[in-house]
Structure formats: C-alpha cells, structure tokens
Amino acid sequence: MSKIELIATATFGLESVVAHEVKKLGYEELTVENGRVNFSADESAICRTNLWLRSADRVLVKMGEFDATSFEELFQKTKALPWPDWLPEDANFPVEGKSIKSQLHSVPDCQAIVKKAIVEKMKQAYKKSGLMKQAQNILLKWPY
C-alpha cells in the first residue's frame, strides 16, 4: 500500500500527547505543529487512528498543499487534486474554510470556489453534466 499524509488535529497544548499516541500506534514519520500532528501512513491508518487516538480531535487526509494568491489560482489548483480517487460519484461535501493572514480573505468566496472546483473535477471524472446537486457533505478545512 502506498503512503498518504494524514493530519491529526489537536487542541493547542495537546500536540505532544497526540504525537505520543500516534507513535504508540506505530507511525514514526511525524511532525508536530501548532494544533496538529502530521504523519505518513497507509490507508488503513485512517480507520485505525480515528478509532484509537484519544487526544486528537479528528484525523484528516491531506489532499494536497499549494499557495494560491488569486481566486483563479485557488480554483485551478483545487481542481487539479485527485478528488475522484477519494469521492464517489454521489458524494456529499460541504466546504468549511478559515482565513489566516491570507490575500484571499473572503472565506465565503473561497468556500464557493473550492466547492465549484471539486464539482467541476467530479463532472469531468464521472462524465456527468448535471452532477452533484446534492454535493454537500465532506469537510474541508484550510489552513490547518
């Protein structure tokens, strides 16, 4: 199985506790940052860590990372990510965003652009023109 990047979010001050729990589960490749622990693992770690990490708030899959200084750049780079590898044709995914020291400070606009980019990618991948009227329920947050 290939390695993926996971993020265990944590309450500020508990990052070292979460890192210790991640290591006890056997995942040694990790970095600790404010509010999160980043680590590499296989796909089975998604379920395993969600079940066994007691101090983490949640475990997220890192889809990608990029800088975007314009809404067009945000759209294109979001659309380029491998959404169909993770989302089925009938997936629901609300988009939740945060802005911290960003040129793209309008969170509602960023959320709408990310949502549109994912829908466009899914329409391409599944060859559907009217795809995703109900596309409303996977949680995306940035920055972590």
C-alpha atoms as a PDB file:
ATOM      1  CA  MET A   1       0.000   0.000   0.000  1.00  0.00           C
ATOM      2  CA  SER A   2       1.188   3.492  -0.771  1.00  0.00           C
ATOM      3  CA  LYS A   3       1.805   6.102   1.886  1.00  0.00           C
ATOM      4  CA  ILE A   4      -0.559   9.002   2.367  1.00  0.00           C
ATOM      5  CA  GLU A   5      -0.268  12.107   4.516  1.00  0.00           C
ATOM      6  CA  LEU A   6      -2.607  12.319   7.490  1.00  0.00           C
ATOM      7  CA  ILE A   7      -3.240  15.151   9.926  1.00  0.00           C
ATOM      8  CA  ALA A   8      -4.402  14.549  13.473  1.00  0.00           C
ATOM      9  CA  THR A   9      -5.855  17.817  14.724  1.00  0.00           C
ATOM     10  CA  ALA A  10      -5.423  18.642  18.386  1.00  0.00           C
ATOM     11  CA  THR A  11      -6.344  21.235  20.954  1.00  0.00           C
ATOM     12  CA  PHE A  12      -3.471  23.677  21.405  1.00  0.00           C
ATOM     13  CA  GLY A  13      -1.128  22.313  24.062  1.00  0.00           C
ATOM     14  CA  LEU A  14      -2.045  18.657  23.456  1.00  0.00           C
ATOM     15  CA  GLU A  15       0.031  18.167  20.307  1.00  0.00           C
ATOM     16  CA  SER A  16       2.785  16.240  22.142  1.00  0.00           C
ATOM     17  CA  VAL A  17       0.188  13.915  23.698  1.00  0.00           C
ATOM     18  CA  VAL A  18      -1.303  13.227  20.265  1.00  0.00           C
ATOM     19  CA  ALA A  19       2.196  12.675  18.823  1.00  0.00           C
ATOM     20  CA  HIS A  20       2.911  10.149  21.591  1.00  0.00           C
ATOM     21  CA  GLU A  21      -0.341   8.286  20.795  1.00  0.00           C
ATOM     22  CA  VAL A  22       0.470   8.296  17.065  1.00  0.00           C
ATOM     23  CA  LYS A  23       3.927   6.829  17.790  1.00  0.00           C
ATOM     24  CA  LYS A  24       2.414   4.160  20.065  1.00  0.00           C
ATOM     25  CA  LEU A  25       0.261   3.078  17.112  1.00  0.00           C
ATOM     26  CA  GLY A  26       3.479   2.537  15.141  1.00  0.00           C
ATOM     27  CA  TYR A  27       3.614   5.627  12.935  1.00  0.00           C
ATOM     28  CA  GLU A  28       7.088   7.076  13.356  1.00  0.00           C
ATOM     29  CA  GLU A  29       7.264   9.542  10.440  1.00  0.00           C
ATOM     30  CA  LEU A  30       5.619  12.561  12.056  1.00  0.00           C
ATOM     31  CA  THR A  31       5.974  16.272  12.619  1.00  0.00           C
ATOM     32  CA  VAL A  32       4.324  18.300  15.346  1.00  0.00           C
ATOM     33  CA  GLU A  33       2.924  21.773  14.633  1.00  0.00           C
ATOM     34  CA  ASN A  34       0.563  24.092  16.459  1.00  0.00           C
ATOM     35  CA  GLY A  35      -2.805  22.374  16.637  1.00  0.00           C
ATOM     36  CA  ARG A  36      -1.858  19.283  14.640  1.00  0.00           C
ATOM     37  CA  VAL A  37       0.384  16.282  14.137  1.00  0.00           C
ATOM     38  CA  ASN A  38       1.287  15.389  10.538  1.00  0.00           C
ATOM     39  CA  PHE A  39       2.245  11.802   9.792  1.00  0.00           C
ATOM     40  CA  SER A  40       2.684   9.342   6.925  1.00  0.00           C
ATOM     41  CA  ALA A  41       0.837   6.052   6.895  1.00  0.00           C
ATOM     42  CA  ASP A  42      -1.054   3.629   4.683  1.00  0.00           C
ATOM     43  CA  GLU A  43      -4.818   3.879   4.049  1.00  0.00           C
ATOM     44  CA  SER A  44      -5.664   1.526   6.915  1.00  0.00           C
ATOM     45  CA  ALA A  45      -4.346   4.181   9.314  1.00  0.00           C
ATOM     46  CA  ILE A  46      -7.367   6.371   8.560  1.00  0.00           C
ATOM     47  CA  CYS A  47      -9.680   3.970  10.390  1.00  0.00           C
ATOM     48  CA  ARG A  48      -7.104   2.826  12.898  1.00  0.00           C
ATOM     49  CA  THR A  49      -6.173   6.293  14.095  1.00  0.00           C
ATOM     50  CA  ASN A  50      -9.773   7.518  14.150  1.00  0.00           C
ATOM     51  CA  LEU A  51     -10.601   4.587  16.420  1.00  0.00           C
ATOM     52  CA  TRP A  52      -7.597   4.634  18.737  1.00  0.00           C
ATOM     53  CA  LEU A  53      -6.354   8.201  19.080  1.00  0.00           C
ATOM     54  CA  ARG A  54      -7.929   9.540  22.261  1.00  0.00           C
ATOM     55  CA  SER A  55      -6.450  13.041  22.380  1.00  0.00           C
ATOM     56  CA  ALA A  56      -6.856  14.011  18.726  1.00  0.00           C
ATOM     57  CA  ASP A  57      -9.947  15.922  17.628  1.00  0.00           C
ATOM     58  CA  ARG A  58     -10.081  14.221  14.228  1.00  0.00           C
ATOM     59  CA  VAL A  59      -7.875  12.635  11.589  1.00  0.00           C
ATOM     60  CA  LEU A  60      -7.849  14.228   8.147  1.00  0.00           C
ATOM     61  CA  VAL A  61      -6.430  13.087   4.808  1.00  0.00           C
ATOM     62  CA  LYS A  62      -4.138  15.692   3.256  1.00  0.00           C
ATOM     63  CA  MET A  63      -5.317  16.001  -0.333  1.00  0.00           C
ATOM     64  CA  GLY A  64      -2.620  18.441  -1.347  1.00  0.00           C
ATOM     65  CA  GLU A  65      -0.867  21.654  -0.475  1.00  0.00           C
ATOM     66  CA  PHE A  66      -0.284  24.743  -2.576  1.00  0.00           C
ATOM     67  CA  ASP A  67      -0.036  28.524  -2.475  1.00  0.00           C
ATOM     68  CA  ALA A  68      -2.817  30.496  -4.132  1.00  0.00           C
ATOM     69  CA  THR A  69      -2.684  34.269  -4.453  1.00  0.00           C
ATOM     70  CA  SER A  70      -5.794  34.662  -6.623  1.00  0.00           C
ATOM     71  CA  PHE A  71      -9.220  33.066  -6.770  1.00  0.00           C
ATOM     72  CA  GLU A  72      -8.424  31.673 -10.229  1.00  0.00           C
ATOM     73  CA  GLU A  73      -5.272  30.027  -8.889  1.00  0.00           C
ATOM     74  CA  LEU A  74      -7.270  28.593  -5.972  1.00  0.00           C
ATOM     75  CA  PHE A  75      -9.815  27.166  -8.419  1.00  0.00           C
ATOM     76  CA  GLN A  76      -7.264  25.618 -10.800  1.00  0.00           C
ATOM     77  CA  LYS A  77      -5.059  24.102  -8.103  1.00  0.00           C
ATOM     78  CA  THR A  78      -8.038  22.710  -6.186  1.00  0.00           C
ATOM     79  CA  LYS A  79      -9.443  21.221  -9.376  1.00  0.00           C
ATOM     80  CA  ALA A  80      -6.080  19.568 -10.098  1.00  0.00           C
ATOM     81  CA  LEU A  81      -6.244  17.475  -6.896  1.00  0.00           C
ATOM     82  CA  PRO A  82      -7.295  13.791  -7.154  1.00  0.00           C
ATOM     83  CA  TRP A  83     -10.869  14.169  -5.824  1.00  0.00           C
ATOM     84  CA  PRO A  84     -12.325  11.190  -7.738  1.00  0.00           C
ATOM     85  CA  ASP A  85      -9.763   8.913  -6.034  1.00  0.00           C
ATOM     86  CA  TRP A  86     -11.466   9.686  -2.714  1.00  0.00           C
ATOM     87  CA  LEU A  87     -15.021  10.744  -3.504  1.00  0.00           C
ATOM     88  CA  PRO A  88     -17.654   8.555  -5.158  1.00  0.00           C
ATOM     89  CA  GLU A  89     -19.926   9.996  -7.828  1.00  0.00           C
ATOM     90  CA  ASP A  90     -22.743  10.657  -5.342  1.00  0.00           C
ATOM     91  CA  ALA A  91     -20.546  12.129  -2.575  1.00  0.00           C
ATOM     92  CA  ASN A  92     -21.765  14.938  -0.382  1.00  0.00           C
ATOM     93  CA  PHE A  93     -19.243  17.558   0.748  1.00  0.00           C
ATOM     94  CA  PRO A  94     -19.828  20.864   2.463  1.00  0.00           C
ATOM     95  CA  VAL A  95     -16.770  23.071   2.372  1.00  0.00           C
ATOM     96  CA  GLU A  96     -15.656  24.862   5.531  1.00  0.00           C
ATOM     97  CA  GLY A  97     -12.862  27.396   5.383  1.00  0.00           C
ATOM     98  CA  LYS A  98     -10.776  29.685   7.538  1.00  0.00           C
ATOM     99  CA  SER A  99      -8.535  32.558   6.548  1.00  0.00           C
ATOM    100  CA  ILE A 100      -5.408  33.433   8.495  1.00  0.00           C
ATOM    101  CA  LYS A 101      -3.082  36.075   7.042  1.00  0.00           C
ATOM    102  CA  SER A 102      -4.262  35.309   3.512  1.00  0.00           C
ATOM    103  CA  GLN A 103      -4.625  37.518   0.461  1.00  0.00           C
ATOM    104  CA  LEU A 104      -7.817  35.570  -0.180  1.00  0.00           C
ATOM    105  CA  HIS A 105      -9.544  36.844   2.928  1.00  0.00           C
ATOM    106  CA  SER A 106     -13.175  36.348   1.824  1.00  0.00           C
ATOM    107  CA  VAL A 107     -13.922  32.960   3.361  1.00  0.00           C
ATOM    108  CA  PRO A 108     -17.375  32.582   1.706  1.00  0.00           C
ATOM    109  CA  ASP A 109     -15.812  33.259  -1.719  1.00  0.00           C
ATOM    110  CA  CYS A 110     -13.007  30.756  -1.068  1.00  0.00           C
ATOM    111  CA  GLN A 111     -15.525  28.128   0.045  1.00  0.00           C
ATOM    112  CA  ALA A 112     -17.639  28.660  -3.076  1.00  0.00           C
ATOM    113  CA  ILE A 113     -14.587  28.476  -5.352  1.00  0.00           C
ATOM    114  CA  VAL A 114     -13.283  25.287  -3.719  1.00  0.00           C
ATOM    115  CA  LYS A 115     -16.756  23.725  -3.961  1.00  0.00           C
ATOM    116  CA  LYS A 116     -17.074  24.668  -7.631  1.00  0.00           C
ATOM    117  CA  ALA A 117     -13.597  23.311  -8.429  1.00  0.00           C
ATOM    118  CA  ILE A 118     -14.369  19.954  -6.818  1.00  0.00           C
ATOM    119  CA  VAL A 119     -17.721  19.706  -8.621  1.00  0.00           C
ATOM    120  CA  GLU A 120     -16.045  20.518 -11.953  1.00  0.00           C
ATOM    121  CA  LYS A 121     -13.376  17.855 -11.362  1.00  0.00           C
ATOM    122  CA  MET A 122     -16.043  15.285 -10.434  1.00  0.00           C
ATOM    123  CA  LYS A 123     -18.128  16.182 -13.508  1.00  0.00           C
ATOM    124  CA  GLN A 124     -15.051  15.592 -15.674  1.00  0.00           C
ATOM    125  CA  ALA A 125     -14.135  12.325 -13.989  1.00  0.00           C
ATOM    126  CA  TYR A 126     -17.627  10.827 -13.974  1.00  0.00           C
ATOM    127  CA  LYS A 127     -18.616  12.287 -17.359  1.00  0.00           C
ATOM    128  CA  LYS A 128     -21.728  13.965 -15.956  1.00  0.00           C
ATOM    129  CA  SER A 129     -23.041  17.390 -16.854  1.00  0.00           C
ATOM    130  CA  GLY A 130     -25.569  17.910 -14.045  1.00  0.00           C
ATOM    131  CA  LEU A 131     -23.569  16.155 -11.345  1.00  0.00           C
ATOM    132  CA  MET A 132     -23.772  16.958  -7.699  1.00  0.00           C
ATOM    133  CA  LYS A 133     -26.891  18.943  -6.939  1.00  0.00           C
ATOM    134  CA  GLN A 134     -26.703  17.167  -3.579  1.00  0.00           C
ATOM    135  CA  ALA A 135     -22.914  17.559  -3.301  1.00  0.00           C
ATOM    136  CA  GLN A 136     -22.791  18.963   0.197  1.00  0.00           C
ATOM    137  CA  ASN A 137     -21.040  16.831   2.912  1.00  0.00           C
ATOM    138  CA  ILE A 138     -17.204  16.233   3.113  1.00  0.00           C
ATOM    139  CA  LEU A 139     -15.410  18.554   5.461  1.00  0.00           C
ATOM    140  CA  LEU A 140     -12.515  20.563   4.079  1.00  0.00           C
ATOM    141  CA  LYS A 141     -10.553  22.989   6.212  1.00  0.00           C
ATOM    142  CA  TRP A 142      -7.659  25.241   5.386  1.00  0.00           C
ATOM    143  CA  PRO A 143      -5.237  26.207   6.753  1.00  0.00           C
ATOM    144  CA  TYR A 144      -4.866  23.561   9.429  1.00  0.00           C
END
